[in-house]
Amino acid sequence: MINKELLEEYAKKLMFKMNDEEYKTLEEEFNIILKQMDLIGKIKNIKEVKPMTYPFINTDATLREDEIDNTITTTDLLLNAKEKERNQIKIPKVVE
């Protein structure tokens, strides 16, 4: 089960600031999801079912070819960057 302490640990790593009510809501929602996953796991022969990514086969869908258009040079791109390092845009760290 998920508890507040575990959520606090994850929130800290992800640099989220949450209040007690948000932790309570998130804990309840995670525990509901875990119960549902446990129920699904109890379905007979569930491990034999092939995972699906789409509910039916669609033979009409085709992807377009990528076309390169209006490219910008690295030099021009870096002109707008607030911080840069080794020819790349440097951004603030968002995860520990």
PDB file of N, CA and C in Angstrom:
ATOM      1  N   MET A   1       0.829  -1.192   0.000  1.00  0.00           N
ATOM      2  CA  MET A   1       0.000   0.000   0.000  1.00  0.00           C
ATOM      3  C   MET A   1       0.876   1.259   0.000  1.00  0.00           C
ATOM      4  N   ILE A   2       0.337   2.311  -0.513  1.00  0.00           N
ATOM      5  CA  ILE A   2       1.009   3.607  -0.553  1.00  0.00           C
ATOM      6  C   ILE A   2       0.666   4.360   0.726  1.00  0.00           C
ATOM      7  N   ASN A   3       1.663   4.989   1.314  1.00  0.00           N
ATOM      8  CA  ASN A   3       1.396   5.796   2.507  1.00  0.00           C
ATOM      9  C   ASN A   3       1.960   7.202   2.323  1.00  0.00           C
ATOM     10  N   LYS A   4       1.629   8.083   3.245  1.00  0.00           N
ATOM     11  CA  LYS A   4       2.028   9.482   3.135  1.00  0.00           C
ATOM     12  C   LYS A   4       3.547   9.627   3.112  1.00  0.00           C
ATOM     13  N   GLU A   5       4.252   8.836   3.915  1.00  0.00           N
ATOM     14  CA  GLU A   5       5.701   8.943   3.972  1.00  0.00           C
ATOM     15  C   GLU A   5       6.336   8.634   2.615  1.00  0.00           C
ATOM     16  N   LEU A   6       5.829   7.616   1.943  1.00  0.00           N
ATOM     17  CA  LEU A   6       6.340   7.259   0.626  1.00  0.00           C
ATOM     18  C   LEU A   6       6.043   8.366  -0.385  1.00  0.00           C
ATOM     19  N   LEU A   7       4.830   8.912  -0.327  1.00  0.00           N
ATOM     20  CA  LEU A   7       4.467  10.010  -1.223  1.00  0.00           C
ATOM     21  C   LEU A   7       5.329  11.239  -0.963  1.00  0.00           C
ATOM     22  N   GLU A   8       5.621  11.515   0.307  1.00  0.00           N
ATOM     23  CA  GLU A   8       6.478  12.656   0.644  1.00  0.00           C
ATOM     24  C   GLU A   8       7.880  12.471   0.068  1.00  0.00           C
ATOM     25  N   GLU A   9       8.380  11.235   0.139  1.00  0.00           N
ATOM     26  CA  GLU A   9       9.703  10.934  -0.416  1.00  0.00           C
ATOM     27  C   GLU A   9       9.726  11.186  -1.927  1.00  0.00           C
ATOM     28  N   TYR A  10       8.709  10.686  -2.628  1.00  0.00           N
ATOM     29  CA  TYR A  10       8.632  10.899  -4.080  1.00  0.00           C
ATOM     30  C   TYR A  10       8.447  12.368  -4.417  1.00  0.00           C
ATOM     31  N   ALA A  11       7.603  13.069  -3.660  1.00  0.00           N
ATOM     32  CA  ALA A  11       7.372  14.491  -3.914  1.00  0.00           C
ATOM     33  C   ALA A  11       8.672  15.274  -3.754  1.00  0.00           C
ATOM     34  N   LYS A  12       9.450  14.909  -2.757  1.00  0.00           N
ATOM     35  CA  LYS A  12      10.728  15.593  -2.533  1.00  0.00           C
ATOM     36  C   LYS A  12      11.666  15.366  -3.712  1.00  0.00           C
ATOM     37  N   LYS A  13      11.745  14.121  -4.192  1.00  0.00           N
ATOM     38  CA  LYS A  13      12.614  13.807  -5.324  1.00  0.00           C
ATOM     39  C   LYS A  13      12.183  14.545  -6.590  1.00  0.00           C
ATOM     40  N   LEU A  14      10.871  14.726  -6.742  1.00  0.00           N
ATOM     41  CA  LEU A  14      10.343  15.410  -7.922  1.00  0.00           C
ATOM     42  C   LEU A  14      10.193  16.913  -7.716  1.00  0.00           C
ATOM     43  N   MET A  15      10.594  17.359  -6.526  1.00  0.00           N
ATOM     44  CA  MET A  15      10.527  18.777  -6.167  1.00  0.00           C
ATOM     45  C   MET A  15       9.100  19.331  -6.234  1.00  0.00           C
ATOM     46  N   PHE A  16       8.134  18.538  -5.766  1.00  0.00           N
ATOM     47  CA  PHE A  16       6.747  18.975  -5.651  1.00  0.00           C
ATOM     48  C   PHE A  16       6.522  19.498  -4.245  1.00  0.00           C
ATOM     49  N   LYS A  17       5.691  20.505  -4.141  1.00  0.00           N
ATOM     50  CA  LYS A  17       5.268  20.972  -2.823  1.00  0.00           C
ATOM     51  C   LYS A  17       3.776  20.670  -2.711  1.00  0.00           C
ATOM     52  N   MET A  18       3.424  19.867  -1.694  1.00  0.00           N
ATOM     53  CA  MET A  18       2.037  19.454  -1.523  1.00  0.00           C
ATOM     54  C   MET A  18       1.616  19.685  -0.086  1.00  0.00           C
ATOM     55  N   ASN A  19       0.317  19.959   0.093  1.00  0.00           N
ATOM     56  CA  ASN A  19      -0.199  20.120   1.451  1.00  0.00           C
ATOM     57  C   ASN A  19      -0.792  18.794   1.925  1.00  0.00           C
ATOM     58  N   ASP A  20      -1.181  18.730   3.194  1.00  0.00           N
ATOM     59  CA  ASP A  20      -1.686  17.483   3.777  1.00  0.00           C
ATOM     60  C   ASP A  20      -2.917  16.952   3.054  1.00  0.00           C
ATOM     61  N   GLU A  21      -3.797  17.836   2.623  1.00  0.00           N
ATOM     62  CA  GLU A  21      -5.012  17.410   1.917  1.00  0.00           C
ATOM     63  C   GLU A  21      -4.660  16.753   0.576  1.00  0.00           C
ATOM     64  N   GLU A  22      -3.675  17.304  -0.123  1.00  0.00           N
ATOM     65  CA  GLU A  22      -3.248  16.720  -1.394  1.00  0.00           C
ATOM     66  C   GLU A  22      -2.619  15.343  -1.178  1.00  0.00           C
ATOM     67  N   TYR A  23      -1.823  15.212  -0.116  1.00  0.00           N
ATOM     68  CA  TYR A  23      -1.247  13.896   0.191  1.00  0.00           C
ATOM     69  C   TYR A  23      -2.346  12.884   0.499  1.00  0.00           C
ATOM     70  N   LYS A  24      -3.341  13.308   1.250  1.00  0.00           N
ATOM     71  CA  LYS A  24      -4.450  12.409   1.611  1.00  0.00           C
ATOM     72  C   LYS A  24      -5.194  11.942   0.362  1.00  0.00           C
ATOM     73  N   THR A  25      -5.517  12.891  -0.518  1.00  0.00           N
ATOM     74  CA  THR A  25      -6.233  12.562  -1.757  1.00  0.00           C
ATOM     75  C   THR A  25      -5.405  11.622  -2.634  1.00  0.00           C
ATOM     76  N   LEU A  26      -4.120  11.943  -2.791  1.00  0.00           N
ATOM     77  CA  LEU A  26      -3.254  11.127  -3.628  1.00  0.00           C
ATOM     78  C   LEU A  26      -3.088   9.718  -3.060  1.00  0.00           C
ATOM     79  N   GLU A  27      -2.957   9.631  -1.744  1.00  0.00           N
ATOM     80  CA  GLU A  27      -2.831   8.322  -1.094  1.00  0.00           C
ATOM     81  C   GLU A  27      -4.079   7.480  -1.340  1.00  0.00           C
ATOM     82  N   GLU A  28      -5.257   8.085  -1.195  1.00  0.00           N
ATOM     83  CA  GLU A  28      -6.512   7.357  -1.426  1.00  0.00           C
ATOM     84  C   GLU A  28      -6.611   6.890  -2.879  1.00  0.00           C
ATOM     85  N   GLU A  29      -6.248   7.768  -3.823  1.00  0.00           N
ATOM     86  CA  GLU A  29      -6.347   7.419  -5.239  1.00  0.00           C
ATOM     87  C   GLU A  29      -5.379   6.287  -5.604  1.00  0.00           C
ATOM     88  N   PHE A  30      -4.153   6.365  -5.105  1.00  0.00           N
ATOM     89  CA  PHE A  30      -3.189   5.300  -5.381  1.00  0.00           C
ATOM     90  C   PHE A  30      -3.656   3.974  -4.811  1.00  0.00           C
ATOM     91  N   ASN A  31      -4.198   3.993  -3.616  1.00  0.00           N
ATOM     92  CA  ASN A  31      -4.653   2.743  -3.003  1.00  0.00           C
ATOM     93  C   ASN A  31      -5.840   2.138  -3.748  1.00  0.00           C
ATOM     94  N   ILE A  32      -6.711   2.987  -4.306  1.00  0.00           N
ATOM     95  CA  ILE A  32      -7.811   2.486  -5.144  1.00  0.00           C
ATOM     96  C   ILE A  32      -7.246   1.804  -6.388  1.00  0.00           C
ATOM     97  N   ILE A  33      -6.265   2.456  -7.019  1.00  0.00           N
ATOM     98  CA  ILE A  33      -5.648   1.889  -8.229  1.00  0.00           C
ATOM     99  C   ILE A  33      -4.982   0.554  -7.911  1.00  0.00           C
ATOM    100  N   LEU A  34      -4.269   0.476  -6.785  1.00  0.00           N
ATOM    101  CA  LEU A  34      -3.602  -0.776  -6.411  1.00  0.00           C
ATOM    102  C   LEU A  34      -4.609  -1.892  -6.148  1.00  0.00           C
ATOM    103  N   LYS A  35      -5.750  -1.564  -5.538  1.00  0.00           N
ATOM    104  CA  LYS A  35      -6.795  -2.570  -5.312  1.00  0.00           C
ATOM    105  C   LYS A  35      -7.355  -3.061  -6.648  1.00  0.00           C
ATOM    106  N   GLN A  36      -7.558  -2.125  -7.583  1.00  0.00           N
ATOM    107  CA  GLN A  36      -8.064  -2.500  -8.897  1.00  0.00           C
ATOM    108  C   GLN A  36      -7.072  -3.393  -9.637  1.00  0.00           C
ATOM    109  N   MET A  37      -5.786  -3.069  -9.530  1.00  0.00           N
ATOM    110  CA  MET A  37      -4.766  -3.894 -10.181  1.00  0.00           C
ATOM    111  C   MET A  37      -4.730  -5.284  -9.559  1.00  0.00           C
ATOM    112  N   ASP A  38      -4.920  -5.364  -8.263  1.00  0.00           N
ATOM    113  CA  ASP A  38      -4.957  -6.659  -7.584  1.00  0.00           C
ATOM    114  C   ASP A  38      -6.141  -7.489  -8.080  1.00  0.00           C
ATOM    115  N   LEU A  39      -7.298  -6.845  -8.254  1.00  0.00           N
ATOM    116  CA  LEU A  39      -8.471  -7.547  -8.778  1.00  0.00           C
ATOM    117  C   LEU A  39      -8.227  -8.054 -10.194  1.00  0.00           C
ATOM    118  N   ILE A  40      -7.623  -7.233 -11.020  1.00  0.00           N
ATOM    119  CA  ILE A  40      -7.332  -7.643 -12.400  1.00  0.00           C
ATOM    120  C   ILE A  40      -6.380  -8.830 -12.392  1.00  0.00           C
ATOM    121  N   GLY A  41      -5.406  -8.804 -11.496  1.00  0.00           N
ATOM    122  CA  GLY A  41      -4.443  -9.902 -11.399  1.00  0.00           C
ATOM    123  C   GLY A  41      -5.077 -11.226 -11.010  1.00  0.00           C
ATOM    124  N   LYS A  42      -6.246 -11.187 -10.402  1.00  0.00           N
ATOM    125  CA  LYS A  42      -6.930 -12.414  -9.976  1.00  0.00           C
ATOM    126  C   LYS A  42      -7.793 -13.037 -11.078  1.00  0.00           C
ATOM    127  N   ILE A  43      -7.904 -12.382 -12.215  1.00  0.00           N
ATOM    128  CA  ILE A  43      -8.690 -12.929 -13.324  1.00  0.00           C
ATOM    129  C   ILE A  43      -7.999 -14.182 -13.838  1.00  0.00           C
ATOM    130  N   LYS A  44      -8.772 -15.230 -14.003  1.00  0.00           N
ATOM    131  CA  LYS A  44      -8.235 -16.522 -14.440  1.00  0.00           C
ATOM    132  C   LYS A  44      -7.556 -16.369 -15.810  1.00  0.00           C
ATOM    133  N   ASN A  45      -6.363 -16.930 -15.922  1.00  0.00           N
ATOM    134  CA  ASN A  45      -5.572 -16.941 -17.164  1.00  0.00           C
ATOM    135  C   ASN A  45      -5.182 -15.549 -17.664  1.00  0.00           C
ATOM    136  N   ILE A  46      -5.159 -14.567 -16.810  1.00  0.00           N
ATOM    137  CA  ILE A  46      -4.833 -13.205 -17.248  1.00  0.00           C
ATOM    138  C   ILE A  46      -3.419 -13.119 -17.825  1.00  0.00           C
ATOM    139  N   LYS A  47      -2.521 -13.949 -17.322  1.00  0.00           N
ATOM    140  CA  LYS A  47      -1.134 -13.918 -17.806  1.00  0.00           C
ATOM    141  C   LYS A  47      -1.007 -14.475 -19.223  1.00  0.00           C
ATOM    142  N   GLU A  48      -2.034 -15.188 -19.678  1.00  0.00           N
ATOM    143  CA  GLU A  48      -1.999 -15.755 -21.029  1.00  0.00           C
ATOM    144  C   GLU A  48      -2.482 -14.760 -22.085  1.00  0.00           C
ATOM    145  N   VAL A  49      -3.086 -13.670 -21.666  1.00  0.00           N
ATOM    146  CA  VAL A  49      -3.649 -12.704 -22.606  1.00  0.00           C
ATOM    147  C   VAL A  49      -2.529 -11.846 -23.189  1.00  0.00           C
ATOM    148  N   LYS A  50      -2.533 -11.711 -24.501  1.00  0.00           N
ATOM    149  CA  LYS A  50      -1.534 -10.900 -25.179  1.00  0.00           C
ATOM    150  C   LYS A  50      -1.880  -9.416 -24.980  1.00  0.00           C
ATOM    151  N   PRO A  51      -0.923  -8.616 -24.534  1.00  0.00           N
ATOM    152  CA  PRO A  51      -1.201  -7.182 -24.335  1.00  0.00           C
ATOM    153  C   PRO A  51      -1.609  -6.514 -25.644  1.00  0.00           C
ATOM    154  N   MET A  52      -2.505  -5.552 -25.545  1.00  0.00           N
ATOM    155  CA  MET A  52      -2.918  -4.857 -26.760  1.00  0.00           C
ATOM    156  C   MET A  52      -2.704  -3.357 -26.577  1.00  0.00           C
ATOM    157  N   THR A  53      -2.373  -2.719 -27.657  1.00  0.00           N
ATOM    158  CA  THR A  53      -2.174  -1.274 -27.608  1.00  0.00           C
ATOM    159  C   THR A  53      -3.324  -0.534 -28.274  1.00  0.00           C
ATOM    160  N   TYR A  54      -4.112  -1.256 -29.038  1.00  0.00           N
ATOM    161  CA  TYR A  54      -5.248  -0.658 -29.736  1.00  0.00           C
ATOM    162  C   TYR A  54      -6.357  -1.701 -29.775  1.00  0.00           C
ATOM    163  N   PRO A  55      -7.606  -1.322 -29.565  1.00  0.00           N
ATOM    164  CA  PRO A  55      -8.671  -2.323 -29.425  1.00  0.00           C
ATOM    165  C   PRO A  55      -9.004  -3.112 -30.694  1.00  0.00           C
ATOM    166  N   PHE A  56      -8.622  -2.624 -31.852  1.00  0.00           N
ATOM    167  CA  PHE A  56      -8.883  -3.378 -33.074  1.00  0.00           C
ATOM    168  C   PHE A  56      -7.806  -3.055 -34.103  1.00  0.00           C
ATOM    169  N   ILE A  57      -7.659  -3.927 -35.071  1.00  0.00           N
ATOM    170  CA  ILE A  57      -6.637  -3.737 -36.105  1.00  0.00           C
ATOM    171  C   ILE A  57      -7.136  -2.718 -37.108  1.00  0.00           C
ATOM    172  N   ASN A  58      -6.319  -1.718 -37.370  1.00  0.00           N
ATOM    173  CA  ASN A  58      -6.670  -0.674 -38.321  1.00  0.00           C
ATOM    174  C   ASN A  58      -5.645  -0.708 -39.447  1.00  0.00           C
ATOM    175  N   THR A  59      -6.072  -1.188 -40.595  1.00  0.00           N
ATOM    176  CA  THR A  59      -5.151  -1.307 -41.732  1.00  0.00           C
ATOM    177  C   THR A  59      -5.130  -0.050 -42.588  1.00  0.00           C
ATOM    178  N   ASP A  60      -6.039   0.895 -42.327  1.00  0.00           N
ATOM    179  CA  ASP A  60      -6.116   2.109 -43.137  1.00  0.00           C
ATOM    180  C   ASP A  60      -5.181   3.213 -42.663  1.00  0.00           C
ATOM    181  N   ALA A  61      -4.662   3.098 -41.457  1.00  0.00           N
ATOM    182  CA  ALA A  61      -3.824   4.159 -40.908  1.00  0.00           C
ATOM    183  C   ALA A  61      -2.419   4.082 -41.490  1.00  0.00           C
ATOM    184  N   THR A  62      -1.957   5.182 -42.001  1.00  0.00           N
ATOM    185  CA  THR A  62      -0.584   5.268 -42.502  1.00  0.00           C
ATOM    186  C   THR A  62       0.052   6.529 -41.936  1.00  0.00           C
ATOM    187  N   LEU A  63       1.341   6.467 -41.733  1.00  0.00           N
ATOM    188  CA  LEU A  63       2.070   7.623 -41.232  1.00  0.00           C
ATOM    189  C   LEU A  63       2.639   8.406 -42.397  1.00  0.00           C
ATOM    190  N   ARG A  64       2.646   9.691 -42.264  1.00  0.00           N
ATOM    191  CA  ARG A  64       3.208  10.522 -43.327  1.00  0.00           C
ATOM    192  C   ARG A  64       4.730  10.473 -43.249  1.00  0.00           C
ATOM    193  N   GLU A  65       5.373  10.749 -44.325  1.00  0.00           N
ATOM    194  CA  GLU A  65       6.827  10.845 -44.355  1.00  0.00           C
ATOM    195  C   GLU A  65       7.226  12.166 -43.695  1.00  0.00           C
ATOM    196  N   ASP A  66       8.292  12.126 -42.904  1.00  0.00           N
ATOM    197  CA  ASP A  66       8.798  13.349 -42.305  1.00  0.00           C
ATOM    198  C   ASP A  66       9.464  14.195 -43.373  1.00  0.00           C
ATOM    199  N   GLU A  67       9.175  15.487 -43.320  1.00  0.00           N
ATOM    200  CA  GLU A  67       9.791  16.412 -44.263  1.00  0.00           C
ATOM    201  C   GLU A  67      10.496  17.496 -43.471  1.00  0.00           C
ATOM    202  N   ILE A  68      11.776  17.696 -43.749  1.00  0.00           N
ATOM    203  CA  ILE A  68      12.543  18.730 -43.062  1.00  0.00           C
ATOM    204  C   ILE A  68      12.228  20.061 -43.727  1.00  0.00           C
ATOM    205  N   ASP A  69      11.854  21.048 -42.892  1.00  0.00           N
ATOM    206  CA  ASP A  69      11.464  22.346 -43.423  1.00  0.00           C
ATOM    207  C   ASP A  69      11.844  23.429 -42.422  1.00  0.00           C
ATOM    208  N   ASN A  70      12.324  24.521 -42.884  1.00  0.00           N
ATOM    209  CA  ASN A  70      12.654  25.675 -42.045  1.00  0.00           C
ATOM    210  C   ASN A  70      13.526  25.303 -40.844  1.00  0.00           C
ATOM    211  N   THR A  71      14.691  24.753 -41.102  1.00  0.00           N
ATOM    212  CA  THR A  71      15.581  24.387 -40.007  1.00  0.00           C
ATOM    213  C   THR A  71      16.302  25.624 -39.481  1.00  0.00           C
ATOM    214  N   ILE A  72      16.762  25.530 -38.249  1.00  0.00           N
ATOM    215  CA  ILE A  72      17.493  26.629 -37.621  1.00  0.00           C
ATOM    216  C   ILE A  72      18.859  26.092 -37.197  1.00  0.00           C
ATOM    217  N   THR A  73      19.860  26.900 -37.358  1.00  0.00           N
ATOM    218  CA  THR A  73      21.205  26.456 -36.985  1.00  0.00           C
ATOM    219  C   THR A  73      21.354  26.461 -35.471  1.00  0.00           C
ATOM    220  N   THR A  74      22.294  25.670 -34.989  1.00  0.00           N
ATOM    221  CA  THR A  74      22.568  25.626 -33.551  1.00  0.00           C
ATOM    222  C   THR A  74      22.973  27.004 -33.046  1.00  0.00           C
ATOM    223  N   THR A  75      23.768  27.712 -33.802  1.00  0.00           N
ATOM    224  CA  THR A  75      24.217  29.051 -33.401  1.00  0.00           C
ATOM    225  C   THR A  75      23.024  29.985 -33.227  1.00  0.00           C
ATOM    226  N   ASP A  76      22.110  29.984 -34.192  1.00  0.00           N
ATOM    227  CA  ASP A  76      20.927  30.844 -34.096  1.00  0.00           C
ATOM    228  C   ASP A  76      20.037  30.438 -32.919  1.00  0.00           C
ATOM    229  N   LEU A  77      19.912  29.154 -32.702  1.00  0.00           N
ATOM    230  CA  LEU A  77      19.086  28.663 -31.612  1.00  0.00           C
ATOM    231  C   LEU A  77      19.647  29.106 -30.261  1.00  0.00           C
ATOM    232  N   LEU A  78      20.946  29.001 -30.102  1.00  0.00           N
ATOM    233  CA  LEU A  78      21.573  29.355 -28.837  1.00  0.00           C
ATOM    234  C   LEU A  78      21.549  30.850 -28.554  1.00  0.00           C
ATOM    235  N   LEU A  79      21.292  31.660 -29.561  1.00  0.00           N
ATOM    236  CA  LEU A  79      21.185  33.105 -29.344  1.00  0.00           C
ATOM    237  C   LEU A  79      20.051  33.437 -28.374  1.00  0.00           C
ATOM    238  N   ASN A  80      18.989  32.645 -28.360  1.00  0.00           N
ATOM    239  CA  ASN A  80      17.827  32.893 -27.507  1.00  0.00           C
ATOM    240  C   ASN A  80      17.900  32.185 -26.157  1.00  0.00           C
ATOM    241  N   ALA A  81      18.925  31.383 -25.955  1.00  0.00           N
ATOM    242  CA  ALA A  81      19.031  30.604 -24.719  1.00  0.00           C
ATOM    243  C   ALA A  81      19.526  31.488 -23.574  1.00  0.00           C
ATOM    244  N   LYS A  82      18.855  31.377 -22.433  1.00  0.00           N
ATOM    245  CA  LYS A  82      19.261  32.128 -21.254  1.00  0.00           C
ATOM    246  C   LYS A  82      20.607  31.615 -20.747  1.00  0.00           C
ATOM    247  N   GLU A  83      20.731  30.284 -20.638  1.00  0.00           N
ATOM    248  CA  GLU A  83      21.980  29.662 -20.214  1.00  0.00           C
ATOM    249  C   GLU A  83      22.359  28.580 -21.213  1.00  0.00           C
ATOM    250  N   LYS A  84      23.640  28.505 -21.510  1.00  0.00           N
ATOM    251  CA  LYS A  84      24.111  27.468 -22.429  1.00  0.00           C
ATOM    252  C   LYS A  84      25.406  26.869 -21.900  1.00  0.00           C
ATOM    253  N   GLU A  85      25.616  25.612 -22.283  1.00  0.00           N
ATOM    254  CA  GLU A  85      26.808  24.891 -21.846  1.00  0.00           C
ATOM    255  C   GLU A  85      27.175  23.884 -22.921  1.00  0.00           C
ATOM    256  N   ARG A  86      28.401  23.924 -23.407  1.00  0.00           N
ATOM    257  CA  ARG A  86      28.899  23.007 -24.439  1.00  0.00           C
ATOM    258  C   ARG A  86      27.956  22.895 -25.642  1.00  0.00           C
ATOM    259  N   ASN A  87      27.554  24.026 -26.156  1.00  0.00           N
ATOM    260  CA  ASN A  87      26.706  24.073 -27.353  1.00  0.00           C
ATOM    261  C   ASN A  87      25.308  23.483 -27.135  1.00  0.00           C
ATOM    262  N   GLN A  88      24.857  23.494 -25.882  1.00  0.00           N
ATOM    263  CA  GLN A  88      23.524  23.008 -25.551  1.00  0.00           C
ATOM    264  C   GLN A  88      22.839  24.017 -24.637  1.00  0.00           C
ATOM    265  N   ILE A  89      21.501  23.985 -24.632  1.00  0.00           N
ATOM    266  CA  ILE A  89      20.735  24.845 -23.730  1.00  0.00           C
ATOM    267  C   ILE A  89      20.717  24.193 -22.353  1.00  0.00           C
ATOM    268  N   LYS A  90      21.068  24.962 -21.328  1.00  0.00           N
ATOM    269  CA  LYS A  90      21.092  24.453 -19.970  1.00  0.00           C
ATOM    270  C   LYS A  90      19.776  24.852 -19.298  1.00  0.00           C
ATOM    271  N   ILE A  91      19.103  23.869 -18.704  1.00  0.00           N
ATOM    272  CA  ILE A  91      17.830  24.132 -18.038  1.00  0.00           C
ATOM    273  C   ILE A  91      17.932  23.726 -16.568  1.00  0.00           C
ATOM    274  N   PRO A  92      17.039  24.247 -15.714  1.00  0.00           N
ATOM    275  CA  PRO A  92      17.094  23.876 -14.292  1.00  0.00           C
ATOM    276  C   PRO A  92      16.780  22.394 -14.095  1.00  0.00           C
ATOM    277  N   LYS A  93      17.420  21.818 -13.092  1.00  0.00           N
ATOM    278  CA  LYS A  93      17.175  20.421 -12.742  1.00  0.00           C
ATOM    279  C   LYS A  93      15.751  20.287 -12.206  1.00  0.00           C
ATOM    280  N   VAL A  94      15.013  19.275 -12.676  1.00  0.00           N
ATOM    281  CA  VAL A  94      13.630  19.095 -12.229  1.00  0.00           C
ATOM    282  C   VAL A  94      13.411  17.828 -11.422  1.00  0.00           C
ATOM    283  N   VAL A  95      14.403  16.943 -11.399  1.00  0.00           N
ATOM    284  CA  VAL A  95      14.294  15.697 -10.632  1.00  0.00           C
ATOM    285  C   VAL A  95      15.645  15.456  -9.962  1.00  0.00           C
ATOM    286  N   GLU A  96      15.602  14.983  -8.706  1.00  0.00           N
ATOM    287  CA  GLU A  96      16.857  14.690  -8.022  1.00  0.00           C
ATOM    288  C   GLU A  96      17.551  13.515  -8.659  1.00  0.00           C
TER     289      GLU A  96
END
